[in-house]
């Protein structure tokens, strides 16, 4: 994150914001700058991909479904943006620790095995966060703390704007593995920024109600079809990127949207009848 901070210092903070007597390496200045960057960056990395996905991938016919709330898109955006400050504060603290040199982020690929190690790091980062988020997400469904996660399950038929519509504590809890990883393992700074962007885009994609995935990857990738069933059936498919931990944890449900002849409209209709028969609609 120091790369981004240096860039902002050079072109914005130093010439236009801070007085000359506050040095760039002052920790309070760094924290203030990082908090501002996280607030603005968090909002933009949510709004831009979610808006693109909403207008290019999302099936707008779903807006006519009885489970689709009145003014839902507006409510999703309001929920997400109101949560940004609460998520940005602890996130900026992690960024400050990185900038102050407490993490294992590094500058040059040659410092840790070159580009092969960067490729390995990408895979390791995905596996680490996939494992961690599965258990955090599943834990948030525990009755004692579900009130935090219940806000996200308000959207039975989510749009891409629901991707970040969490309670702040819920959203930060599920983002913690991304911040913890570079304190435990070496990670290239540029790769870290790229993976951070990927994480946000992936969160949007699993809420876009577009089920298209190559057949070869369907058993492996936790797609929008899996996550749609999570919103509708509640106790299944907690995973983030892969189906591995749902399969091992006994929470895997074969996506209804992958069944022959099942569109997203059929999935929603099926969930209503199934939940009515089992009584799970009240629990969700």
Foldseek 3Di string as FASTA:
>chain_A
DVVVLVVCCVPPCVVDNDDPVDDSPDLVVQLVSQLVCQLVVVLCLQPVLLVVLQVPQADCVCCPDPLNDDVNLVVLLVLLNVLSNLLSNVVSVLVSCVNVPQFQADAALVVDVHPVVQVVVVVVLVVQLQVQLLVLLLVCLPPVNVVQVVQLLSRLQFALSSLRNGHNVSNNSSCVSLSVVRRPDYHYPVSSVVVVSVLSSLSSQLRHQHPDDPPVCLQWFLGVLQVSCCSLVVQARSGRTTCVVRVVVVRHDRRPCPPPPDGVVNSNVVSVVVCVVVVCVVVD
